[in-house]
Amino acid sequence: MHKWQKDLWAALSGSDPREMKIYMGGRNIGKSVLAQMWNIMHEESKPTCRVLETYPVDTKKWHTIQCSREISDWIRQQPDQSKEWYEHIDQNWVVDRSKFDISIEFYLMLKLRWGC
């Protein structure tokens, strides 16, 4: 979040930017804008990635991970000829755009690149 956004939020709320006040009810008074600003301020600024499951595949360790959009885009830009990552498909044959099955080597590269 940029400094001007924090300053704007502080000016609108009149208090600590980590606190949110309810101003008033009604239509077309900017409640949605304030809610969006609140969500932007409190989102993780650092891209996130977490391991959901670890399992062996042909004596090699693989992880199922869930990650943020930035990391997902980066993974998709990596060459897939090495077959070190796959988009995760659940039991209902649905592809989740933020989940991947990755090898332990690719996971280490991901940790080195993104620090997650």
PDB file of N, CA and C in Angstrom:
ATOM      1  N   MET A   1       0.835  -1.167   0.000  1.00  0.00           N
ATOM      2  CA  MET A   1       0.000   0.000   0.000  1.00  0.00           C
ATOM      3  C   MET A   1       0.882   1.231   0.000  1.00  0.00           C
ATOM      4  N   HIS A   2       0.505   2.199  -0.787  1.00  0.00           N
ATOM      5  CA  HIS A   2       1.267   3.431  -0.913  1.00  0.00           C
ATOM      6  C   HIS A   2       0.983   4.365   0.262  1.00  0.00           C
ATOM      7  N   LYS A   3       1.918   5.284   0.513  1.00  0.00           N
ATOM      8  CA  LYS A   3       1.765   6.215   1.632  1.00  0.00           C
ATOM      9  C   LYS A   3       0.541   7.096   1.454  1.00  0.00           C
ATOM     10  N   TRP A   4       0.256   7.518   0.223  1.00  0.00           N
ATOM     11  CA  TRP A   4      -0.899   8.389   0.010  1.00  0.00           C
ATOM     12  C   TRP A   4      -2.199   7.658   0.332  1.00  0.00           C
ATOM     13  N   GLN A   5      -2.238   6.339   0.117  1.00  0.00           N
ATOM     14  CA  GLN A   5      -3.443   5.586   0.450  1.00  0.00           C
ATOM     15  C   GLN A   5      -3.635   5.518   1.960  1.00  0.00           C
ATOM     16  N   LYS A   6      -2.527   5.310   2.683  1.00  0.00           N
ATOM     17  CA  LYS A   6      -2.619   5.281   4.144  1.00  0.00           C
ATOM     18  C   LYS A   6      -3.034   6.642   4.690  1.00  0.00           C
ATOM     19  N   ASP A   7      -2.468   7.706   4.111  1.00  0.00           N
ATOM     20  CA  ASP A   7      -2.818   9.057   4.557  1.00  0.00           C
ATOM     21  C   ASP A   7      -4.283   9.363   4.274  1.00  0.00           C
ATOM     22  N   LEU A   8      -4.761   8.956   3.105  1.00  0.00           N
ATOM     23  CA  LEU A   8      -6.161   9.168   2.764  1.00  0.00           C
ATOM     24  C   LEU A   8      -7.069   8.417   3.720  1.00  0.00           C
ATOM     25  N   TRP A   9      -6.698   7.193   4.015  1.00  0.00           N
ATOM     26  CA  TRP A   9      -7.501   6.395   4.950  1.00  0.00           C
ATOM     27  C   TRP A   9      -7.524   7.052   6.329  1.00  0.00           C
ATOM     28  N   ALA A  10      -6.373   7.511   6.786  1.00  0.00           N
ATOM     29  CA  ALA A  10      -6.307   8.163   8.096  1.00  0.00           C
ATOM     30  C   ALA A  10      -7.149   9.424   8.112  1.00  0.00           C
ATOM     31  N   ALA A  11      -7.116  10.186   7.012  1.00  0.00           N
ATOM     32  CA  ALA A  11      -7.907  11.412   6.951  1.00  0.00           C
ATOM     33  C   ALA A  11      -9.403  11.103   6.938  1.00  0.00           C
ATOM     34  N   LEU A  12      -9.793  10.053   6.232  1.00  0.00           N
ATOM     35  CA  LEU A  12     -11.209   9.696   6.178  1.00  0.00           C
ATOM     36  C   LEU A  12     -11.718   9.149   7.503  1.00  0.00           C
ATOM     37  N   SER A  13     -10.897   8.360   8.147  1.00  0.00           N
ATOM     38  CA  SER A  13     -11.373   7.733   9.384  1.00  0.00           C
ATOM     39  C   SER A  13     -11.168   8.634  10.591  1.00  0.00           C
ATOM     40  N   GLY A  14     -10.185   9.517  10.516  1.00  0.00           N
ATOM     41  CA  GLY A  14      -9.935  10.410  11.638  1.00  0.00           C
ATOM     42  C   GLY A  14      -9.315   9.707  12.825  1.00  0.00           C
ATOM     43  N   SER A  15      -8.788   8.530  12.613  1.00  0.00           N
ATOM     44  CA  SER A  15      -8.200   7.768  13.710  1.00  0.00           C
ATOM     45  C   SER A  15      -7.099   6.878  13.165  1.00  0.00           C
ATOM     46  N   ASP A  16      -6.698   5.947  13.976  1.00  0.00           N
ATOM     47  CA  ASP A  16      -5.664   4.992  13.591  1.00  0.00           C
ATOM     48  C   ASP A  16      -6.092   4.238  12.336  1.00  0.00           C
ATOM     49  N   PRO A  17      -5.227   4.134  11.313  1.00  0.00           N
ATOM     50  CA  PRO A  17      -5.620   3.457  10.076  1.00  0.00           C
ATOM     51  C   PRO A  17      -5.902   1.970  10.254  1.00  0.00           C
ATOM     52  N   ARG A  18      -5.538   1.401  11.404  1.00  0.00           N
ATOM     53  CA  ARG A  18      -5.846  -0.009  11.624  1.00  0.00           C
ATOM     54  C   ARG A  18      -7.242  -0.206  12.186  1.00  0.00           C
ATOM     55  N   GLU A  19      -7.931   0.877  12.467  1.00  0.00           N
ATOM     56  CA  GLU A  19      -9.282   0.794  13.000  1.00  0.00           C
ATOM     57  C   GLU A  19     -10.270   1.253  11.938  1.00  0.00           C
ATOM     58  N   MET A  20     -11.435   0.670  11.972  1.00  0.00           N
ATOM     59  CA  MET A  20     -12.457   1.064  11.010  1.00  0.00           C
ATOM     60  C   MET A  20     -13.700   1.472  11.786  1.00  0.00           C
ATOM     61  N   LYS A  21     -14.283   2.589  11.401  1.00  0.00           N
ATOM     62  CA  LYS A  21     -15.500   3.071  12.028  1.00  0.00           C
ATOM     63  C   LYS A  21     -16.641   2.965  11.039  1.00  0.00           C
ATOM     64  N   ILE A  22     -17.823   2.794  11.550  1.00  0.00           N
ATOM     65  CA  ILE A  22     -19.007   2.802  10.698  1.00  0.00           C
ATOM     66  C   ILE A  22     -19.510   4.243  10.683  1.00  0.00           C
ATOM     67  N   TYR A  23     -19.615   4.809   9.493  1.00  0.00           N
ATOM     68  CA  TYR A  23     -19.998   6.210   9.376  1.00  0.00           C
ATOM     69  C   TYR A  23     -21.502   6.398   9.400  1.00  0.00           C
ATOM     70  N   MET A  24     -22.177   5.794   8.457  1.00  0.00           N
ATOM     71  CA  MET A  24     -23.623   5.938   8.395  1.00  0.00           C
ATOM     72  C   MET A  24     -24.146   4.925   7.391  1.00  0.00           C
ATOM     73  N   GLY A  25     -25.406   4.674   7.463  1.00  0.00           N
ATOM     74  CA  GLY A  25     -26.030   3.794   6.486  1.00  0.00           C
ATOM     75  C   GLY A  25     -26.597   4.627   5.356  1.00  0.00           C
ATOM     76  N   GLY A  26     -27.043   3.977   4.346  1.00  0.00           N
ATOM     77  CA  GLY A  26     -27.644   4.697   3.233  1.00  0.00           C
ATOM     78  C   GLY A  26     -27.059   4.257   1.923  1.00  0.00           C
ATOM     79  N   ARG A  27     -27.532   4.862   0.876  1.00  0.00           N
ATOM     80  CA  ARG A  27     -27.096   4.487  -0.465  1.00  0.00           C
ATOM     81  C   ARG A  27     -26.193   5.568  -1.052  1.00  0.00           C
ATOM     82  N   ASN A  28     -25.244   5.133  -1.834  1.00  0.00           N
ATOM     83  CA  ASN A  28     -24.361   6.030  -2.587  1.00  0.00           C
ATOM     84  C   ASN A  28     -23.612   7.039  -1.719  1.00  0.00           C
ATOM     85  N   ILE A  29     -23.071   6.558  -0.588  1.00  0.00           N
ATOM     86  CA  ILE A  29     -22.313   7.469   0.273  1.00  0.00           C
ATOM     87  C   ILE A  29     -20.842   7.087   0.371  1.00  0.00           C
ATOM     88  N   GLY A  30     -20.432   6.042  -0.364  1.00  0.00           N
ATOM     89  CA  GLY A  30     -19.023   5.671  -0.383  1.00  0.00           C
ATOM     90  C   GLY A  30     -18.635   4.544   0.543  1.00  0.00           C
ATOM     91  N   LYS A  31     -19.610   3.803   1.080  1.00  0.00           N
ATOM     92  CA  LYS A  31     -19.266   2.684   1.961  1.00  0.00           C
ATOM     93  C   LYS A  31     -18.438   1.641   1.232  1.00  0.00           C
ATOM     94  N   SER A  32     -18.761   1.374  -0.007  1.00  0.00           N
ATOM     95  CA  SER A  32     -18.025   0.362  -0.772  1.00  0.00           C
ATOM     96  C   SER A  32     -16.579   0.783  -0.994  1.00  0.00           C
ATOM     97  N   VAL A  33     -16.360   2.053  -1.248  1.00  0.00           N
ATOM     98  CA  VAL A  33     -14.998   2.547  -1.440  1.00  0.00           C
ATOM     99  C   VAL A  33     -14.191   2.365  -0.165  1.00  0.00           C
ATOM    100  N   LEU A  34     -14.787   2.698   0.968  1.00  0.00           N
ATOM    101  CA  LEU A  34     -14.086   2.520   2.239  1.00  0.00           C
ATOM    102  C   LEU A  34     -13.798   1.054   2.498  1.00  0.00           C
ATOM    103  N   ALA A  35     -14.744   0.180   2.193  1.00  0.00           N
ATOM    104  CA  ALA A  35     -14.531  -1.253   2.391  1.00  0.00           C
ATOM    105  C   ALA A  35     -13.410  -1.756   1.488  1.00  0.00           C
ATOM    106  N   GLN A  36     -13.353  -1.287   0.244  1.00  0.00           N
ATOM    107  CA  GLN A  36     -12.285  -1.696  -0.662  1.00  0.00           C
ATOM    108  C   GLN A  36     -10.926  -1.198  -0.175  1.00  0.00           C
ATOM    109  N   MET A  37     -10.895   0.029   0.303  1.00  0.00           N
ATOM    110  CA  MET A  37      -9.641   0.555   0.837  1.00  0.00           C
ATOM    111  C   MET A  37      -9.183  -0.273   2.034  1.00  0.00           C
ATOM    112  N   TRP A  38     -10.107  -0.639   2.888  1.00  0.00           N
ATOM    113  CA  TRP A  38      -9.797  -1.460   4.059  1.00  0.00           C
ATOM    114  C   TRP A  38      -9.200  -2.790   3.624  1.00  0.00           C
ATOM    115  N   ASN A  39      -9.815  -3.435   2.631  1.00  0.00           N
ATOM    116  CA  ASN A  39      -9.321  -4.723   2.158  1.00  0.00           C
ATOM    117  C   ASN A  39      -7.945  -4.604   1.517  1.00  0.00           C
ATOM    118  N   ILE A  40      -7.713  -3.544   0.757  1.00  0.00           N
ATOM    119  CA  ILE A  40      -6.416  -3.351   0.121  1.00  0.00           C
ATOM    120  C   ILE A  40      -5.336  -3.139   1.184  1.00  0.00           C
ATOM    121  N   MET A  41      -5.651  -2.352   2.190  1.00  0.00           N
ATOM    122  CA  MET A  41      -4.672  -2.067   3.239  1.00  0.00           C
ATOM    123  C   MET A  41      -4.277  -3.309   4.004  1.00  0.00           C
ATOM    124  N   HIS A  42      -5.223  -4.217   4.197  1.00  0.00           N
ATOM    125  CA  HIS A  42      -4.962  -5.356   5.061  1.00  0.00           C
ATOM    126  C   HIS A  42      -4.661  -6.636   4.306  1.00  0.00           C
ATOM    127  N   GLU A  43      -4.523  -6.556   2.990  1.00  0.00           N
ATOM    128  CA  GLU A  43      -4.058  -7.712   2.238  1.00  0.00           C
ATOM    129  C   GLU A  43      -2.577  -7.890   2.499  1.00  0.00           C
ATOM    130  N   GLU A  44      -2.138  -9.116   2.368  1.00  0.00           N
ATOM    131  CA  GLU A  44      -0.702  -9.358   2.471  1.00  0.00           C
ATOM    132  C   GLU A  44      -0.012  -8.649   1.319  1.00  0.00           C
ATOM    133  N   SER A  45       0.966  -7.825   1.621  1.00  0.00           N
ATOM    134  CA  SER A  45       1.703  -7.164   0.552  1.00  0.00           C
ATOM    135  C   SER A  45       2.704  -8.131  -0.076  1.00  0.00           C
ATOM    136  N   LYS A  46       3.131  -9.110   0.686  1.00  0.00           N
ATOM    137  CA  LYS A  46       4.058 -10.113   0.181  1.00  0.00           C
ATOM    138  C   LYS A  46       3.263 -11.273  -0.402  1.00  0.00           C
ATOM    139  N   PRO A  47       3.621 -11.732  -1.591  1.00  0.00           N
ATOM    140  CA  PRO A  47       2.931 -12.894  -2.152  1.00  0.00           C
ATOM    141  C   PRO A  47       3.056 -14.097  -1.223  1.00  0.00           C
ATOM    142  N   THR A  48       1.998 -14.861  -1.127  1.00  0.00           N
ATOM    143  CA  THR A  48       1.965 -15.973  -0.186  1.00  0.00           C
ATOM    144  C   THR A  48       1.913 -17.305  -0.904  1.00  0.00           C
ATOM    145  N   CYS A  49       2.372 -18.307  -0.206  1.00  0.00           N
ATOM    146  CA  CYS A  49       2.369 -19.671  -0.717  1.00  0.00           C
ATOM    147  C   CYS A  49       2.377 -20.598   0.492  1.00  0.00           C
ATOM    148  N   ARG A  50       1.522 -21.610   0.469  1.00  0.00           N
ATOM    149  CA  ARG A  50       1.537 -22.560   1.583  1.00  0.00           C
ATOM    150  C   ARG A  50       1.369 -23.976   1.064  1.00  0.00           C
ATOM    151  N   VAL A  51       2.009 -24.891   1.760  1.00  0.00           N
ATOM    152  CA  VAL A  51       1.946 -26.305   1.392  1.00  0.00           C
ATOM    153  C   VAL A  51       0.681 -26.895   2.000  1.00  0.00           C
ATOM    154  N   LEU A  52      -0.142 -27.502   1.158  1.00  0.00           N
ATOM    155  CA  LEU A  52      -1.375 -28.130   1.625  1.00  0.00           C
ATOM    156  C   LEU A  52      -1.175 -29.607   1.934  1.00  0.00           C
ATOM    157  N   GLU A  53      -0.315 -30.249   1.142  1.00  0.00           N
ATOM    158  CA  GLU A  53      -0.126 -31.683   1.283  1.00  0.00           C
ATOM    159  C   GLU A  53       1.243 -32.072   0.734  1.00  0.00           C
ATOM    160  N   THR A  54       1.847 -33.076   1.336  1.00  0.00           N
ATOM    161  CA  THR A  54       3.111 -33.622   0.860  1.00  0.00           C
ATOM    162  C   THR A  54       2.935 -35.118   0.663  1.00  0.00           C
ATOM    163  N   TYR A  55       3.448 -35.651  -0.425  1.00  0.00           N
ATOM    164  CA  TYR A  55       3.260 -37.069  -0.726  1.00  0.00           C
ATOM    165  C   TYR A  55       4.406 -37.556  -1.616  1.00  0.00           C
ATOM    166  N   PRO A  56       4.700 -38.857  -1.572  1.00  0.00           N
ATOM    167  CA  PRO A  56       5.745 -39.403  -2.439  1.00  0.00           C
ATOM    168  C   PRO A  56       5.179 -39.811  -3.800  1.00  0.00           C
ATOM    169  N   VAL A  57       5.935 -39.520  -4.847  1.00  0.00           N
ATOM    170  CA  VAL A  57       5.600 -39.957  -6.198  1.00  0.00           C
ATOM    171  C   VAL A  57       6.869 -40.582  -6.761  1.00  0.00           C
ATOM    172  N   ASP A  58       6.852 -41.892  -7.010  1.00  0.00           N
ATOM    173  CA  ASP A  58       8.021 -42.608  -7.534  1.00  0.00           C
ATOM    174  C   ASP A  58       9.273 -42.306  -6.716  1.00  0.00           C
ATOM    175  N   THR A  59       9.151 -42.440  -5.418  1.00  0.00           N
ATOM    176  CA  THR A  59      10.236 -42.218  -4.444  1.00  0.00           C
ATOM    177  C   THR A  59      10.746 -40.787  -4.415  1.00  0.00           C
ATOM    178  N   LYS A  60      10.005 -39.858  -4.974  1.00  0.00           N
ATOM    179  CA  LYS A  60      10.374 -38.446  -4.971  1.00  0.00           C
ATOM    180  C   LYS A  60       9.276 -37.666  -4.246  1.00  0.00           C
ATOM    181  N   LYS A  61       9.657 -36.690  -3.440  1.00  0.00           N
ATOM    182  CA  LYS A  61       8.668 -35.928  -2.674  1.00  0.00           C
ATOM    183  C   LYS A  61       8.038 -34.834  -3.533  1.00  0.00           C
ATOM    184  N   TRP A  62       6.708 -34.734  -3.492  1.00  0.00           N
ATOM    185  CA  TRP A  62       5.948 -33.695  -4.181  1.00  0.00           C
ATOM    186  C   TRP A  62       5.068 -32.987  -3.177  1.00  0.00           C
ATOM    187  N   HIS A  63       4.725 -31.729  -3.487  1.00  0.00           N
ATOM    188  CA  HIS A  63       3.849 -30.927  -2.632  1.00  0.00           C
ATOM    189  C   HIS A  63       2.654 -30.450  -3.446  1.00  0.00           C
ATOM    190  N   THR A  64       1.522 -30.350  -2.776  1.00  0.00           N
ATOM    191  CA  THR A  64       0.396 -29.596  -3.316  1.00  0.00           C
ATOM    192  C   THR A  64       0.423 -28.265  -2.592  1.00  0.00           C
ATOM    193  N   ILE A  65       0.502 -27.176  -3.363  1.00  0.00           N
ATOM    194  CA  ILE A  65       0.597 -25.842  -2.765  1.00  0.00           C
ATOM    195  C   ILE A  65      -0.574 -24.979  -3.220  1.00  0.00           C
ATOM    196  N   GLN A  66      -0.874 -23.992  -2.408  1.00  0.00           N
ATOM    197  CA  GLN A  66      -1.828 -22.947  -2.789  1.00  0.00           C
ATOM    198  C   GLN A  66      -1.088 -21.632  -2.670  1.00  0.00           C
ATOM    199  N   CYS A  67      -1.209 -20.791  -3.705  1.00  0.00           N
ATOM    200  CA  CYS A  67      -0.408 -19.573  -3.710  1.00  0.00           C
ATOM    201  C   CYS A  67      -1.188 -18.393  -4.279  1.00  0.00           C
ATOM    202  N   SER A  68      -0.598 -17.224  -4.099  1.00  0.00           N
ATOM    203  CA  SER A  68      -1.219 -15.985  -4.558  1.00  0.00           C
ATOM    204  C   SER A  68      -1.123 -15.871  -6.075  1.00  0.00           C
ATOM    205  N   ARG A  69      -1.802 -14.877  -6.611  1.00  0.00           N
ATOM    206  CA  ARG A  69      -1.854 -14.680  -8.064  1.00  0.00           C
ATOM    207  C   ARG A  69      -0.460 -14.430  -8.650  1.00  0.00           C
ATOM    208  N   GLU A  70       0.373 -13.626  -7.979  1.00  0.00           N
ATOM    209  CA  GLU A  70       1.704 -13.329  -8.505  1.00  0.00           C
ATOM    210  C   GLU A  70       2.531 -14.602  -8.655  1.00  0.00           C
ATOM    211  N   ILE A  71       2.491 -15.443  -7.646  1.00  0.00           N
ATOM    212  CA  ILE A  71       3.259 -16.686  -7.704  1.00  0.00           C
ATOM    213  C   ILE A  71       2.660 -17.635  -8.733  1.00  0.00           C
ATOM    214  N   SER A  72       1.333 -17.696  -8.811  1.00  0.00           N
ATOM    215  CA  SER A  72       0.677 -18.560  -9.808  1.00  0.00           C
ATOM    216  C   SER A  72       1.095 -18.159 -11.221  1.00  0.00           C
ATOM    217  N   ASP A  73       1.107 -16.866 -11.485  1.00  0.00           N
ATOM    218  CA  ASP A  73       1.520 -16.387 -12.810  1.00  0.00           C
ATOM    219  C   ASP A  73       2.978 -16.752 -13.091  1.00  0.00           C
ATOM    220  N   TRP A  74       3.828 -16.613 -12.081  1.00  0.00           N
ATOM    221  CA  TRP A  74       5.236 -16.944 -12.248  1.00  0.00           C
ATOM    222  C   TRP A  74       5.413 -18.434 -12.547  1.00  0.00           C
ATOM    223  N   ILE A  75       4.682 -19.289 -11.833  1.00  0.00           N
ATOM    224  CA  ILE A  75       4.777 -20.733 -12.066  1.00  0.00           C
ATOM    225  C   ILE A  75       4.386 -21.066 -13.495  1.00  0.00           C
ATOM    226  N   ARG A  76       3.301 -20.473 -13.971  1.00  0.00           N
ATOM    227  CA  ARG A  76       2.838 -20.762 -15.331  1.00  0.00           C
ATOM    228  C   ARG A  76       3.830 -20.288 -16.396  1.00  0.00           C
ATOM    229  N   GLN A  77       4.679 -19.331 -16.071  1.00  0.00           N
ATOM    230  CA  GLN A  77       5.683 -18.848 -17.027  1.00  0.00           C
ATOM    231  C   GLN A  77       6.908 -19.757 -17.090  1.00  0.00           C
ATOM    232  N   GLN A  78       7.032 -20.674 -16.125  1.00  0.00           N
ATOM    233  CA  GLN A  78       8.176 -21.576 -16.112  1.00  0.00           C
ATOM    234  C   GLN A  78       7.989 -22.661 -17.164  1.00  0.00           C
ATOM    235  N   PRO A  79       9.074 -23.103 -17.788  1.00  0.00           N
ATOM    236  CA  PRO A  79       8.942 -24.148 -18.807  1.00  0.00           C
ATOM    237  C   PRO A  79       8.385 -25.425 -18.188  1.00  0.00           C
ATOM    238  N   ASP A  80       7.441 -26.032 -18.871  1.00  0.00           N
ATOM    239  CA  ASP A  80       6.833 -27.244 -18.327  1.00  0.00           C
ATOM    240  C   ASP A  80       7.382 -28.510 -18.986  1.00  0.00           C
ATOM    241  N   GLN A  81       8.431 -28.375 -19.809  1.00  0.00           N
ATOM    242  CA  GLN A  81       9.016 -29.555 -20.417  1.00  0.00           C
ATOM    243  C   GLN A  81       9.625 -30.475 -19.358  1.00  0.00           C
ATOM    244  N   SER A  82      10.078 -29.907 -18.271  1.00  0.00           N
ATOM    245  CA  SER A  82      10.719 -30.710 -17.232  1.00  0.00           C
ATOM    246  C   SER A  82       9.701 -31.473 -16.391  1.00  0.00           C
ATOM    247  N   LYS A  83       8.438 -31.123 -16.506  1.00  0.00           N
ATOM    248  CA  LYS A  83       7.359 -31.771 -15.748  1.00  0.00           C
ATOM    249  C   LYS A  83       7.617 -31.703 -14.236  1.00  0.00           C
ATOM    250  N   GLU A  84       8.047 -30.539 -13.783  1.00  0.00           N
ATOM    251  CA  GLU A  84       8.284 -30.320 -12.355  1.00  0.00           C
ATOM    252  C   GLU A  84       7.074 -29.707 -11.668  1.00  0.00           C
ATOM    253  N   TRP A  85       6.074 -29.286 -12.443  1.00  0.00           N
ATOM    254  CA  TRP A  85       4.860 -28.725 -11.858  1.00  0.00           C
ATOM    255  C   TRP A  85       3.667 -29.049 -12.741  1.00  0.00           C
ATOM    256  N   TYR A  86       2.512 -29.175 -12.092  1.00  0.00           N
ATOM    257  CA  TYR A  86       1.244 -29.423 -12.777  1.00  0.00           C
ATOM    258  C   TYR A  86       0.165 -28.613 -12.078  1.00  0.00           C
ATOM    259  N   GLU A  87      -0.832 -28.190 -12.831  1.00  0.00           N
ATOM    260  CA  GLU A  87      -1.974 -27.549 -12.180  1.00  0.00           C
ATOM    261  C   GLU A  87      -2.734 -28.633 -11.420  1.00  0.00           C
ATOM    262  N   HIS A  88      -3.162 -28.318 -10.229  1.00  0.00           N
ATOM    263  CA  HIS A  88      -3.817 -29.289  -9.365  1.00  0.00           C
ATOM    264  C   HIS A  88      -5.243 -29.564  -9.849  1.00  0.00           C
ATOM    265  N   ILE A  89      -5.607 -30.829  -9.927  1.00  0.00           N
ATOM    266  CA  ILE A  89      -6.961 -31.244 -10.294  1.00  0.00           C
ATOM    267  C   ILE A  89      -7.543 -31.979  -9.098  1.00  0.00           C
ATOM    268  N   ASP A  90      -8.713 -31.540  -8.624  1.00  0.00           N
ATOM    269  CA  ASP A  90      -9.303 -32.171  -7.434  1.00  0.00           C
ATOM    270  C   ASP A  90     -10.100 -33.425  -7.803  1.00  0.00           C
ATOM    271  N   GLN A  91     -10.806 -33.979  -6.802  1.00  0.00           N
ATOM    272  CA  GLN A  91     -11.554 -35.225  -6.996  1.00  0.00           C
ATOM    273  C   GLN A  91     -12.673 -35.082  -8.018  1.00  0.00           C
ATOM    274  N   ASN A  92     -13.172 -33.874  -8.215  1.00  0.00           N
ATOM    275  CA  ASN A  92     -14.255 -33.628  -9.174  1.00  0.00           C
ATOM    276  C   ASN A  92     -13.734 -33.191 -10.541  1.00  0.00           C
ATOM    277  N   TRP A  93     -12.450 -33.348 -10.787  1.00  0.00           N
ATOM    278  CA  TRP A  93     -11.806 -32.982 -12.044  1.00  0.00           C
ATOM    279  C   TRP A  93     -11.911 -31.484 -12.324  1.00  0.00           C
ATOM    280  N   VAL A  94     -11.792 -30.697 -11.279  1.00  0.00           N
ATOM    281  CA  VAL A  94     -11.831 -29.245 -11.400  1.00  0.00           C
ATOM    282  C   VAL A  94     -10.416 -28.708 -11.178  1.00  0.00           C
ATOM    283  N   VAL A  95      -9.994 -27.806 -12.046  1.00  0.00           N
ATOM    284  CA  VAL A  95      -8.677 -27.176 -11.909  1.00  0.00           C
ATOM    285  C   VAL A  95      -8.839 -25.898 -11.094  1.00  0.00           C
ATOM    286  N   ASP A  96      -8.096 -25.806 -10.003  1.00  0.00           N
ATOM    287  CA  ASP A  96      -8.073 -24.592  -9.185  1.00  0.00           C
ATOM    288  C   ASP A  96      -6.874 -23.777  -9.645  1.00  0.00           C
ATOM    289  N   ARG A  97      -7.104 -22.540 -10.076  1.00  0.00           N
ATOM    290  CA  ARG A  97      -6.047 -21.712 -10.663  1.00  0.00           C
ATOM    291  C   ARG A  97      -4.964 -21.302  -9.665  1.00  0.00           C
ATOM    292  N   SER A  98      -5.187 -21.535  -8.371  1.00  0.00           N
ATOM    293  CA  SER A  98      -4.184 -21.134  -7.386  1.00  0.00           C
ATOM    294  C   SER A  98      -3.505 -22.330  -6.719  1.00  0.00           C
ATOM    295  N   LYS A  99      -3.806 -23.557  -7.170  1.00  0.00           N
ATOM    296  CA  LYS A  99      -3.191 -24.750  -6.583  1.00  0.00           C
ATOM    297  C   LYS A  99      -2.362 -25.480  -7.631  1.00  0.00           C
ATOM    298  N   PHE A 100      -1.210 -25.970  -7.164  1.00  0.00           N
ATOM    299  CA  PHE A 100      -0.293 -26.672  -8.054  1.00  0.00           C
ATOM    300  C   PHE A 100       0.272 -27.889  -7.339  1.00  0.00           C
ATOM    301  N   ASP A 101       0.614 -28.903  -8.120  1.00  0.00           N
ATOM    302  CA  ASP A 101       1.400 -30.031  -7.639  1.00  0.00           C
ATOM    303  C   ASP A 101       2.803 -29.808  -8.167  1.00  0.00           C
ATOM    304  N   ILE A 102       3.771 -29.725  -7.244  1.00  0.00           N
ATOM    305  CA  ILE A 102       5.139 -29.399  -7.654  1.00  0.00           C
ATOM    306  C   ILE A 102       6.124 -30.361  -7.007  1.00  0.00           C
ATOM    307  N   SER A 103       7.227 -30.589  -7.692  1.00  0.00           N
ATOM    308  CA  SER A 103       8.280 -31.448  -7.153  1.00  0.00           C
ATOM    309  C   SER A 103       9.037 -30.700  -6.055  1.00  0.00           C
ATOM    310  N   ILE A 104       9.795 -31.458  -5.290  1.00  0.00           N
ATOM    311  CA  ILE A 104      10.561 -30.844  -4.202  1.00  0.00           C
ATOM    312  C   ILE A 104      11.616 -29.886  -4.749  1.00  0.00           C
ATOM    313  N   GLU A 105      12.195 -30.206  -5.899  1.00  0.00           N
ATOM    314  CA  GLU A 105      13.197 -29.314  -6.492  1.00  0.00           C
ATOM    315  C   GLU A 105      12.564 -27.988  -6.919  1.00  0.00           C
ATOM    316  N   PHE A 106      11.405 -28.076  -7.542  1.00  0.00           N
ATOM    317  CA  PHE A 106      10.713 -26.850  -7.960  1.00  0.00           C
ATOM    318  C   PHE A 106      10.256 -26.053  -6.746  1.00  0.00           C
ATOM    319  N   TYR A 107       9.857 -26.750  -5.683  1.00  0.00           N
ATOM    320  CA  TYR A 107       9.463 -26.075  -4.443  1.00  0.00           C
ATOM    321  C   TYR A 107      10.640 -25.291  -3.862  1.00  0.00           C
ATOM    322  N   LEU A 108      11.830 -25.871  -3.903  1.00  0.00           N
ATOM    323  CA  LEU A 108      13.009 -25.161  -3.407  1.00  0.00           C
ATOM    324  C   LEU A 108      13.304 -23.923  -4.251  1.00  0.00           C
ATOM    325  N   MET A 109      13.145 -24.047  -5.570  1.00  0.00           N
ATOM    326  CA  MET A 109      13.332 -22.889  -6.447  1.00  0.00           C
ATOM    327  C   MET A 109      12.291 -21.801  -6.123  1.00  0.00           C
ATOM    328  N   LEU A 110      11.062 -22.223  -5.857  1.00  0.00           N
ATOM    329  CA  LEU A 110       9.987 -21.297  -5.484  1.00  0.00           C
ATOM    330  C   LEU A 110      10.324 -20.575  -4.178  1.00  0.00           C
ATOM    331  N   LYS A 111      10.840 -21.318  -3.199  1.00  0.00           N
ATOM    332  CA  LYS A 111      11.212 -20.701  -1.929  1.00  0.00           C
ATOM    333  C   LYS A 111      12.366 -19.720  -2.088  1.00  0.00           C
ATOM    334  N   LEU A 112      13.317 -20.062  -2.944  1.00  0.00           N
ATOM    335  CA  LEU A 112      14.429 -19.152  -3.171  1.00  0.00           C
ATOM    336  C   LEU A 112      13.972 -17.891  -3.888  1.00  0.00           C
ATOM    337  N   ARG A 113      13.070 -18.027  -4.837  1.00  0.00           N
ATOM    338  CA  ARG A 113      12.598 -16.886  -5.622  1.00  0.00           C
ATOM    339  C   ARG A 113      11.662 -15.989  -4.810  1.00  0.00           C
ATOM    340  N   TRP A 114      10.713 -16.580  -4.087  1.00  0.00           N
ATOM    341  CA  TRP A 114       9.658 -15.802  -3.431  1.00  0.00           C
ATOM    342  C   TRP A 114       9.800 -15.738  -1.908  1.00  0.00           C
ATOM    343  N   GLY A 115      10.616 -16.580  -1.322  1.00  0.00           N
ATOM    344  CA  GLY A 115      10.819 -16.543   0.129  1.00  0.00           C
ATOM    345  C   GLY A 115       9.604 -16.965   0.921  1.00  0.00           C
ATOM    346  N   CYS A 116       8.762 -17.778   0.347  1.00  0.00           N
ATOM    347  CA  CYS A 116       7.547 -18.183   1.086  1.00  0.00           C
ATOM    348  C   CYS A 116       7.683 -19.582   1.630  1.00  0.00           C
TER     349      CYS A 116
END
